[in-house]
Amino acid sequence: MQKSHPSTKNIKQMISPFYHKRKRNISIHILKTNINNKTAINTLKLLFNTHPDVIKWSVDLEDVDKVLRVETTKNLTGDAIIKDVIARGFYCEPLV
């Protein structure tokens, strides 16, 4: 007799509690910057790639607002990110 595989619905139910718990502990910060080239992005790489509370980040160079999107744990605030980006010589504020 062949053992059946769990349905996709059952798999989603099995991982759902973990996924939702993790999702609740994440903040997404959307910021307007003047980061306009790869050299500027490389300046921020060391900051964001080594920060223990940064999950992932990106800069949209095509957007007029040069949007910096940073996904973090709840331990890192938007104000702290802005302060760190400004300390590296860039303009940065919340995108509203």
PDB file of N, CA and C in Angstrom:
ATOM      1  N   MET A   1       0.841  -1.172   0.000  1.00  0.00           N
ATOM      2  CA  MET A   1       0.000   0.000   0.000  1.00  0.00           C
ATOM      3  C   MET A   1       0.894   1.245   0.000  1.00  0.00           C
ATOM      4  N   GLN A   2       0.580   2.185  -0.880  1.00  0.00           N
ATOM      5  CA  GLN A   2       1.372   3.397  -0.993  1.00  0.00           C
ATOM      6  C   GLN A   2       0.870   4.431   0.009  1.00  0.00           C
ATOM      7  N   LYS A   3       1.813   5.050   0.687  1.00  0.00           N
ATOM      8  CA  LYS A   3       1.471   6.077   1.669  1.00  0.00           C
ATOM      9  C   LYS A   3       1.131   7.364   0.924  1.00  0.00           C
ATOM     10  N   SER A   4       0.041   7.992   1.297  1.00  0.00           N
ATOM     11  CA  SER A   4      -0.345   9.230   0.616  1.00  0.00           C
ATOM     12  C   SER A   4       0.389  10.419   1.232  1.00  0.00           C
ATOM     13  N   HIS A   5       0.608  11.416   0.415  1.00  0.00           N
ATOM     14  CA  HIS A   5       1.257  12.643   0.869  1.00  0.00           C
ATOM     15  C   HIS A   5       0.200  13.590   1.405  1.00  0.00           C
ATOM     16  N   PRO A   6       0.564  14.390   2.401  1.00  0.00           N
ATOM     17  CA  PRO A   6      -0.413  15.340   2.923  1.00  0.00           C
ATOM     18  C   PRO A   6      -0.780  16.357   1.850  1.00  0.00           C
ATOM     19  N   SER A   7      -1.996  16.790   1.884  1.00  0.00           N
ATOM     20  CA  SER A   7      -2.441  17.785   0.905  1.00  0.00           C
ATOM     21  C   SER A   7      -1.781  19.123   1.205  1.00  0.00           C
ATOM     22  N   THR A   8      -1.806  19.991   0.225  1.00  0.00           N
ATOM     23  CA  THR A   8      -1.247  21.327   0.405  1.00  0.00           C
ATOM     24  C   THR A   8      -1.931  22.042   1.554  1.00  0.00           C
ATOM     25  N   LYS A   9      -3.225  21.865   1.674  1.00  0.00           N
ATOM     26  CA  LYS A   9      -3.972  22.507   2.755  1.00  0.00           C
ATOM     27  C   LYS A   9      -3.455  22.032   4.115  1.00  0.00           C
ATOM     28  N   ASN A  10      -3.221  20.744   4.262  1.00  0.00           N
ATOM     29  CA  ASN A  10      -2.711  20.213   5.525  1.00  0.00           C
ATOM     30  C   ASN A  10      -1.310  20.734   5.834  1.00  0.00           C
ATOM     31  N   ILE A  11      -0.488  20.865   4.814  1.00  0.00           N
ATOM     32  CA  ILE A  11       0.861  21.394   5.015  1.00  0.00           C
ATOM     33  C   ILE A  11       0.777  22.834   5.498  1.00  0.00           C
ATOM     34  N   LYS A  12      -0.079  23.634   4.879  1.00  0.00           N
ATOM     35  CA  LYS A  12      -0.242  25.021   5.306  1.00  0.00           C
ATOM     36  C   LYS A  12      -0.715  25.093   6.749  1.00  0.00           C
ATOM     37  N   GLN A  13      -1.593  24.199   7.145  1.00  0.00           N
ATOM     38  CA  GLN A  13      -2.068  24.191   8.522  1.00  0.00           C
ATOM     39  C   GLN A  13      -0.941  23.826   9.478  1.00  0.00           C
ATOM     40  N   MET A  14      -0.046  22.948   9.068  1.00  0.00           N
ATOM     41  CA  MET A  14       1.055  22.533   9.929  1.00  0.00           C
ATOM     42  C   MET A  14       2.064  23.666  10.143  1.00  0.00           C
ATOM     43  N   ILE A  15       2.339  24.457   9.116  1.00  0.00           N
ATOM     44  CA  ILE A  15       3.335  25.515   9.264  1.00  0.00           C
ATOM     45  C   ILE A  15       2.719  26.846   9.658  1.00  0.00           C
ATOM     46  N   SER A  16       1.433  26.950   9.584  1.00  0.00           N
ATOM     47  CA  SER A  16       0.757  28.209   9.839  1.00  0.00           C
ATOM     48  C   SER A  16       1.105  28.853  11.181  1.00  0.00           C
ATOM     49  N   PRO A  17       1.074  28.143  12.307  1.00  0.00           N
ATOM     50  CA  PRO A  17       1.387  28.806  13.578  1.00  0.00           C
ATOM     51  C   PRO A  17       2.797  29.398  13.605  1.00  0.00           C
ATOM     52  N   PHE A  18       3.766  28.679  13.084  1.00  0.00           N
ATOM     53  CA  PHE A  18       5.133  29.197  13.041  1.00  0.00           C
ATOM     54  C   PHE A  18       5.215  30.418  12.139  1.00  0.00           C
ATOM     55  N   TYR A  19       4.619  30.328  10.963  1.00  0.00           N
ATOM     56  CA  TYR A  19       4.673  31.412   9.992  1.00  0.00           C
ATOM     57  C   TYR A  19       4.042  32.670  10.557  1.00  0.00           C
ATOM     58  N   HIS A  20       2.869  32.538  11.145  1.00  0.00           N
ATOM     59  CA  HIS A  20       2.181  33.716  11.664  1.00  0.00           C
ATOM     60  C   HIS A  20       2.918  34.319  12.850  1.00  0.00           C
ATOM     61  N   LYS A  21       3.521  33.500  13.695  1.00  0.00           N
ATOM     62  CA  LYS A  21       4.290  34.023  14.817  1.00  0.00           C
ATOM     63  C   LYS A  21       5.475  34.827  14.297  1.00  0.00           C
ATOM     64  N   ARG A  22       6.171  34.298  13.316  1.00  0.00           N
ATOM     65  CA  ARG A  22       7.325  34.995  12.744  1.00  0.00           C
ATOM     66  C   ARG A  22       6.884  36.292  12.078  1.00  0.00           C
ATOM     67  N   LYS A  23       5.774  36.245  11.364  1.00  0.00           N
ATOM     68  CA  LYS A  23       5.294  37.406  10.639  1.00  0.00           C
ATOM     69  C   LYS A  23       4.938  38.551  11.588  1.00  0.00           C
ATOM     70  N   ARG A  24       4.393  38.234  12.743  1.00  0.00           N
ATOM     71  CA  ARG A  24       4.023  39.267  13.712  1.00  0.00           C
ATOM     72  C   ARG A  24       5.242  39.956  14.304  1.00  0.00           C
ATOM     73  N   ASN A  25       6.376  39.326  14.278  1.00  0.00           N
ATOM     74  CA  ASN A  25       7.590  39.888  14.865  1.00  0.00           C
ATOM     75  C   ASN A  25       8.433  40.663  13.863  1.00  0.00           C
ATOM     76  N   ILE A  26       7.866  40.977  12.715  1.00  0.00           N
ATOM     77  CA  ILE A  26       8.595  41.669  11.661  1.00  0.00           C
ATOM     78  C   ILE A  26       8.021  43.068  11.458  1.00  0.00           C
ATOM     79  N   SER A  27       8.916  44.023  11.257  1.00  0.00           N
ATOM     80  CA  SER A  27       8.515  45.379  10.882  1.00  0.00           C
ATOM     81  C   SER A  27       9.083  45.661   9.496  1.00  0.00           C
ATOM     82  N   ILE A  28       8.329  46.394   8.703  1.00  0.00           N
ATOM     83  CA  ILE A  28       8.804  46.800   7.381  1.00  0.00           C
ATOM     84  C   ILE A  28       8.847  48.320   7.363  1.00  0.00           C
ATOM     85  N   HIS A  29      10.022  48.855   7.082  1.00  0.00           N
ATOM     86  CA  HIS A  29      10.235  50.298   7.070  1.00  0.00           C
ATOM     87  C   HIS A  29      10.429  50.735   5.618  1.00  0.00           C
ATOM     88  N   ILE A  30       9.628  51.698   5.184  1.00  0.00           N
ATOM     89  CA  ILE A  30       9.706  52.231   3.825  1.00  0.00           C
ATOM     90  C   ILE A  30      10.182  53.676   3.948  1.00  0.00           C
ATOM     91  N   LEU A  31      11.340  53.957   3.353  1.00  0.00           N
ATOM     92  CA  LEU A  31      11.984  55.247   3.561  1.00  0.00           C
ATOM     93  C   LEU A  31      12.352  55.916   2.242  1.00  0.00           C
ATOM     94  N   LYS A  32      12.239  57.235   2.223  1.00  0.00           N
ATOM     95  CA  LYS A  32      12.634  58.051   1.077  1.00  0.00           C
ATOM     96  C   LYS A  32      14.089  58.455   1.288  1.00  0.00           C
ATOM     97  N   THR A  33      14.925  58.279   0.254  1.00  0.00           N
ATOM     98  CA  THR A  33      16.354  58.580   0.388  1.00  0.00           C
ATOM     99  C   THR A  33      16.876  59.316  -0.844  1.00  0.00           C
ATOM    100  N   ASN A  34      18.154  59.624  -0.806  1.00  0.00           N
ATOM    101  CA  ASN A  34      18.839  60.148  -1.995  1.00  0.00           C
ATOM    102  C   ASN A  34      19.912  59.164  -2.477  1.00  0.00           C
ATOM    103  N   ILE A  35      19.747  57.906  -2.131  1.00  0.00           N
ATOM    104  CA  ILE A  35      20.669  56.852  -2.569  1.00  0.00           C
ATOM    105  C   ILE A  35      20.423  56.633  -4.062  1.00  0.00           C
ATOM    106  N   ASN A  36      21.426  56.939  -4.898  1.00  0.00           N
ATOM    107  CA  ASN A  36      21.140  56.950  -6.330  1.00  0.00           C
ATOM    108  C   ASN A  36      22.065  56.110  -7.201  1.00  0.00           C
ATOM    109  N   ASN A  37      22.942  55.313  -6.578  1.00  0.00           N
ATOM    110  CA  ASN A  37      23.822  54.477  -7.402  1.00  0.00           C
ATOM    111  C   ASN A  37      24.357  53.298  -6.594  1.00  0.00           C
ATOM    112  N   LYS A  38      25.033  52.403  -7.290  1.00  0.00           N
ATOM    113  CA  LYS A  38      25.554  51.180  -6.659  1.00  0.00           C
ATOM    114  C   LYS A  38      26.618  51.491  -5.602  1.00  0.00           C
ATOM    115  N   THR A  39      27.392  52.542  -5.809  1.00  0.00           N
ATOM    116  CA  THR A  39      28.411  52.915  -4.827  1.00  0.00           C
ATOM    117  C   THR A  39      27.754  53.291  -3.501  1.00  0.00           C
ATOM    118  N   ALA A  40      26.673  54.048  -3.577  1.00  0.00           N
ATOM    119  CA  ALA A  40      25.935  54.429  -2.368  1.00  0.00           C
ATOM    120  C   ALA A  40      25.342  53.194  -1.693  1.00  0.00           C
ATOM    121  N   ILE A  41      24.817  52.283  -2.491  1.00  0.00           N
ATOM    122  CA  ILE A  41      24.261  51.042  -1.933  1.00  0.00           C
ATOM    123  C   ILE A  41      25.361  50.249  -1.226  1.00  0.00           C
ATOM    124  N   ASN A  42      26.538  50.192  -1.825  1.00  0.00           N
ATOM    125  CA  ASN A  42      27.652  49.469  -1.204  1.00  0.00           C
ATOM    126  C   ASN A  42      28.041  50.067   0.147  1.00  0.00           C
ATOM    127  N   THR A  43      27.855  51.374   0.302  1.00  0.00           N
ATOM    128  CA  THR A  43      28.128  52.031   1.579  1.00  0.00           C
ATOM    129  C   THR A  43      27.206  51.490   2.667  1.00  0.00           C
ATOM    130  N   LEU A  44      25.973  51.169   2.295  1.00  0.00           N
ATOM    131  CA  LEU A  44      24.998  50.669   3.270  1.00  0.00           C
ATOM    132  C   LEU A  44      25.066  49.158   3.464  1.00  0.00           C
ATOM    133  N   LYS A  45      25.705  48.459   2.538  1.00  0.00           N
ATOM    134  CA  LYS A  45      25.770  46.991   2.622  1.00  0.00           C
ATOM    135  C   LYS A  45      26.344  46.507   3.946  1.00  0.00           C
ATOM    136  N   LEU A  46      27.448  47.086   4.354  1.00  0.00           N
ATOM    137  CA  LEU A  46      28.084  46.648   5.597  1.00  0.00           C
ATOM    138  C   LEU A  46      27.149  46.861   6.785  1.00  0.00           C
ATOM    139  N   LEU A  47      26.477  47.997   6.802  1.00  0.00           N
ATOM    140  CA  LEU A  47      25.533  48.293   7.887  1.00  0.00           C
ATOM    141  C   LEU A  47      24.412  47.265   7.939  1.00  0.00           C
ATOM    142  N   PHE A  48      23.709  47.078   6.839  1.00  0.00           N
ATOM    143  CA  PHE A  48      22.516  46.233   6.837  1.00  0.00           C
ATOM    144  C   PHE A  48      22.824  44.738   6.785  1.00  0.00           C
ATOM    145  N   ASN A  49      23.850  44.352   6.067  1.00  0.00           N
ATOM    146  CA  ASN A  49      24.150  42.919   5.941  1.00  0.00           C
ATOM    147  C   ASN A  49      24.715  42.308   7.218  1.00  0.00           C
ATOM    148  N   THR A  50      25.238  43.137   8.103  1.00  0.00           N
ATOM    149  CA  THR A  50      25.796  42.614   9.350  1.00  0.00           C
ATOM    150  C   THR A  50      24.925  42.903  10.567  1.00  0.00           C
ATOM    151  N   HIS A  51      23.869  43.669  10.390  1.00  0.00           N
ATOM    152  CA  HIS A  51      23.005  44.011  11.529  1.00  0.00           C
ATOM    153  C   HIS A  51      22.133  42.810  11.886  1.00  0.00           C
ATOM    154  N   PRO A  52      22.151  42.369  13.138  1.00  0.00           N
ATOM    155  CA  PRO A  52      21.404  41.162  13.521  1.00  0.00           C
ATOM    156  C   PRO A  52      19.883  41.300  13.433  1.00  0.00           C
ATOM    157  N   ASP A  53      19.374  42.533  13.424  1.00  0.00           N
ATOM    158  CA  ASP A  53      17.925  42.724  13.373  1.00  0.00           C
ATOM    159  C   ASP A  53      17.393  42.991  11.966  1.00  0.00           C
ATOM    160  N   VAL A  54      18.276  43.095  10.982  1.00  0.00           N
ATOM    161  CA  VAL A  54      17.839  43.306   9.597  1.00  0.00           C
ATOM    162  C   VAL A  54      17.669  41.946   8.930  1.00  0.00           C
ATOM    163  N   ILE A  55      16.458  41.696   8.446  1.00  0.00           N
ATOM    164  CA  ILE A  55      16.154  40.430   7.774  1.00  0.00           C
ATOM    165  C   ILE A  55      16.493  40.531   6.290  1.00  0.00           C
ATOM    166  N   LYS A  56      15.999  41.588   5.653  1.00  0.00           N
ATOM    167  CA  LYS A  56      16.378  41.866   4.269  1.00  0.00           C
ATOM    168  C   LYS A  56      16.133  43.336   3.974  1.00  0.00           C
ATOM    169  N   TRP A  57      16.789  43.823   2.931  1.00  0.00           N
ATOM    170  CA  TRP A  57      16.659  45.231   2.583  1.00  0.00           C
ATOM    171  C   TRP A  57      16.898  45.408   1.089  1.00  0.00           C
ATOM    172  N   SER A  58      16.397  46.516   0.566  1.00  0.00           N
ATOM    173  CA  SER A  58      16.594  46.815  -0.852  1.00  0.00           C
ATOM    174  C   SER A  58      16.427  48.312  -1.078  1.00  0.00           C
ATOM    175  N   VAL A  59      16.982  48.778  -2.190  1.00  0.00           N
ATOM    176  CA  VAL A  59      16.818  50.166  -2.612  1.00  0.00           C
ATOM    177  C   VAL A  59      16.309  50.137  -4.042  1.00  0.00           C
ATOM    178  N   ASP A  60      15.253  50.890  -4.309  1.00  0.00           N
ATOM    179  CA  ASP A  60      14.709  50.998  -5.659  1.00  0.00           C
ATOM    180  C   ASP A  60      15.294  52.244  -6.314  1.00  0.00           C
ATOM    181  N   LEU A  61      16.327  52.061  -7.112  1.00  0.00           N
ATOM    182  CA  LEU A  61      16.986  53.184  -7.772  1.00  0.00           C
ATOM    183  C   LEU A  61      16.141  53.784  -8.890  1.00  0.00           C
ATOM    184  N   GLU A  62      15.157  53.045  -9.370  1.00  0.00           N
ATOM    185  CA  GLU A  62      14.297  53.525 -10.455  1.00  0.00           C
ATOM    186  C   GLU A  62      13.204  54.463  -9.946  1.00  0.00           C
ATOM    187  N   ASP A  63      12.833  54.339  -8.694  1.00  0.00           N
ATOM    188  CA  ASP A  63      11.775  55.161  -8.109  1.00  0.00           C
ATOM    189  C   ASP A  63      12.285  56.579  -7.876  1.00  0.00           C
ATOM    190  N   VAL A  64      11.439  57.562  -8.105  1.00  0.00           N
ATOM    191  CA  VAL A  64      11.821  58.958  -7.919  1.00  0.00           C
ATOM    192  C   VAL A  64      12.232  59.241  -6.471  1.00  0.00           C
ATOM    193  N   ASP A  65      11.680  58.495  -5.518  1.00  0.00           N
ATOM    194  CA  ASP A  65      12.003  58.682  -4.101  1.00  0.00           C
ATOM    195  C   ASP A  65      13.161  57.810  -3.625  1.00  0.00           C
ATOM    196  N   LYS A  66      13.786  57.058  -4.528  1.00  0.00           N
ATOM    197  CA  LYS A  66      14.917  56.174  -4.176  1.00  0.00           C
ATOM    198  C   LYS A  66      14.585  55.399  -2.901  1.00  0.00           C
ATOM    199  N   VAL A  67      13.509  54.634  -2.969  1.00  0.00           N
ATOM    200  CA  VAL A  67      12.914  53.982  -1.802  1.00  0.00           C
ATOM    201  C   VAL A  67      13.823  52.904  -1.215  1.00  0.00           C
ATOM    202  N   LEU A  68      14.089  53.059   0.077  1.00  0.00           N
ATOM    203  CA  LEU A  68      14.814  52.065   0.860  1.00  0.00           C
ATOM    204  C   LEU A  68      13.765  51.281   1.637  1.00  0.00           C
ATOM    205  N   ARG A  69      13.746  49.975   1.436  1.00  0.00           N
ATOM    206  CA  ARG A  69      12.803  49.097   2.138  1.00  0.00           C
ATOM    207  C   ARG A  69      13.625  48.171   3.020  1.00  0.00           C
ATOM    208  N   VAL A  70      13.340  48.221   4.328  1.00  0.00           N
ATOM    209  CA  VAL A  70      14.099  47.414   5.279  1.00  0.00           C
ATOM    210  C   VAL A  70      13.127  46.577   6.096  1.00  0.00           C
ATOM    211  N   GLU A  71      13.300  45.273   6.037  1.00  0.00           N
ATOM    212  CA  GLU A  71      12.492  44.338   6.818  1.00  0.00           C
ATOM    213  C   GLU A  71      13.327  43.950   8.036  1.00  0.00           C
ATOM    214  N   THR A  72      12.772  44.191   9.237  1.00  0.00           N
ATOM    215  CA  THR A  72      13.538  43.987  10.467  1.00  0.00           C
ATOM    216  C   THR A  72      12.734  43.227  11.511  1.00  0.00           C
ATOM    217  N   THR A  73      13.432  42.824  12.561  1.00  0.00           N
ATOM    218  CA  THR A  73      12.731  42.339  13.742  1.00  0.00           C
ATOM    219  C   THR A  73      12.141  43.560  14.433  1.00  0.00           C
ATOM    220  N   LYS A  74      11.270  43.333  15.389  1.00  0.00           N
ATOM    221  CA  LYS A  74      10.648  44.444  16.116  1.00  0.00           C
ATOM    222  C   LYS A  74      11.658  45.214  16.966  1.00  0.00           C
ATOM    223  N   ASN A  75      12.858  44.666  17.152  1.00  0.00           N
ATOM    224  CA  ASN A  75      13.873  45.320  17.982  1.00  0.00           C
ATOM    225  C   ASN A  75      14.475  46.560  17.336  1.00  0.00           C
ATOM    226  N   LEU A  76      14.387  46.689  16.023  1.00  0.00           N
ATOM    227  CA  LEU A  76      15.005  47.802  15.308  1.00  0.00           C
ATOM    228  C   LEU A  76      13.924  48.770  14.844  1.00  0.00           C
ATOM    229  N   THR A  77      14.028  50.020  15.262  1.00  0.00           N
ATOM    230  CA  THR A  77      13.016  51.019  14.919  1.00  0.00           C
ATOM    231  C   THR A  77      13.367  51.739  13.625  1.00  0.00           C
ATOM    232  N   GLY A  78      12.362  52.346  13.035  1.00  0.00           N
ATOM    233  CA  GLY A  78      12.575  53.155  11.848  1.00  0.00           C
ATOM    234  C   GLY A  78      13.483  54.339  12.138  1.00  0.00           C
ATOM    235  N   ASP A  79      13.325  54.936  13.321  1.00  0.00           N
ATOM    236  CA  ASP A  79      14.175  56.068  13.705  1.00  0.00           C
ATOM    237  C   ASP A  79      15.647  55.668  13.768  1.00  0.00           C
ATOM    238  N   ALA A  80      15.925  54.477  14.266  1.00  0.00           N
ATOM    239  CA  ALA A  80      17.312  53.998  14.342  1.00  0.00           C
ATOM    240  C   ALA A  80      17.889  53.790  12.944  1.00  0.00           C
ATOM    241  N   ILE A  81      17.077  53.264  12.039  1.00  0.00           N
ATOM    242  CA  ILE A  81      17.533  53.070  10.655  1.00  0.00           C
ATOM    243  C   ILE A  81      17.836  54.420  10.024  1.00  0.00           C
ATOM    244  N   ILE A  82      16.915  55.364  10.179  1.00  0.00           N
ATOM    245  CA  ILE A  82      17.100  56.706   9.611  1.00  0.00           C
ATOM    246  C   ILE A  82      18.382  57.336  10.150  1.00  0.00           C
ATOM    247  N   LYS A  83      18.588  57.245  11.450  1.00  0.00           N
ATOM    248  CA  LYS A  83      19.786  57.808  12.078  1.00  0.00           C
ATOM    249  C   LYS A  83      21.053  57.185  11.487  1.00  0.00           C
ATOM    250  N   ASP A  84      21.062  55.870  11.316  1.00  0.00           N
ATOM    251  CA  ASP A  84      22.232  55.180  10.759  1.00  0.00           C
ATOM    252  C   ASP A  84      22.492  55.568   9.303  1.00  0.00           C
ATOM    253  N   VAL A  85      21.429  55.711   8.522  1.00  0.00           N
ATOM    254  CA  VAL A  85      21.587  56.086   7.108  1.00  0.00           C
ATOM    255  C   VAL A  85      22.096  57.523   7.006  1.00  0.00           C
ATOM    256  N   ILE A  86      21.526  58.426   7.799  1.00  0.00           N
ATOM    257  CA  ILE A  86      21.970  59.825   7.802  1.00  0.00           C
ATOM    258  C   ILE A  86      23.429  59.924   8.252  1.00  0.00           C
ATOM    259  N   ALA A  87      23.818  59.112   9.233  1.00  0.00           N
ATOM    260  CA  ALA A  87      25.203  59.124   9.727  1.00  0.00           C
ATOM    261  C   ALA A  87      26.197  58.744   8.632  1.00  0.00           C
ATOM    262  N   ARG A  88      25.727  58.060   7.607  1.00  0.00           N
ATOM    263  CA  ARG A  88      26.593  57.680   6.488  1.00  0.00           C
ATOM    264  C   ARG A  88      26.520  58.686   5.340  1.00  0.00           C
ATOM    265  N   GLY A  89      25.892  59.837   5.612  1.00  0.00           N
ATOM    266  CA  GLY A  89      25.908  60.938   4.655  1.00  0.00           C
ATOM    267  C   GLY A  89      24.747  61.002   3.687  1.00  0.00           C
ATOM    268  N   PHE A  90      23.690  60.254   3.930  1.00  0.00           N
ATOM    269  CA  PHE A  90      22.547  60.247   3.024  1.00  0.00           C
ATOM    270  C   PHE A  90      21.340  60.947   3.641  1.00  0.00           C
ATOM    271  N   TYR A  91      20.471  61.412   2.777  1.00  0.00           N
ATOM    272  CA  TYR A  91      19.172  61.926   3.196  1.00  0.00           C
ATOM    273  C   TYR A  91      18.273  60.720   3.422  1.00  0.00           C
ATOM    274  N   CYS A  92      17.445  60.756   4.470  1.00  0.00           N
ATOM    275  CA  CYS A  92      16.546  59.636   4.742  1.00  0.00           C
ATOM    276  C   CYS A  92      15.397  60.103   5.622  1.00  0.00           C
ATOM    277  N   GLU A  93      14.176  59.774   5.217  1.00  0.00           N
ATOM    278  CA  GLU A  93      12.986  60.089   6.007  1.00  0.00           C
ATOM    279  C   GLU A  93      11.902  59.070   5.680  1.00  0.00           C
ATOM    280  N   PRO A  94      10.910  58.927   6.562  1.00  0.00           N
ATOM    281  CA  PRO A  94       9.809  57.992   6.268  1.00  0.00           C
ATOM    282  C   PRO A  94       9.073  58.421   4.999  1.00  0.00           C
ATOM    283  N   LEU A  95       8.698  57.469   4.190  1.00  0.00           N
ATOM    284  CA  LEU A  95       7.927  57.757   2.984  1.00  0.00           C
ATOM    285  C   LEU A  95       6.457  57.775   3.358  1.00  0.00           C
ATOM    286  N   VAL A  96       5.820  58.908   3.135  1.00  0.00           N
ATOM    287  CA  VAL A  96       4.385  59.027   3.457  1.00  0.00           C
ATOM    288  C   VAL A  96       3.562  59.261   2.229  1.00  0.00           C
TER     289      VAL A  96
END
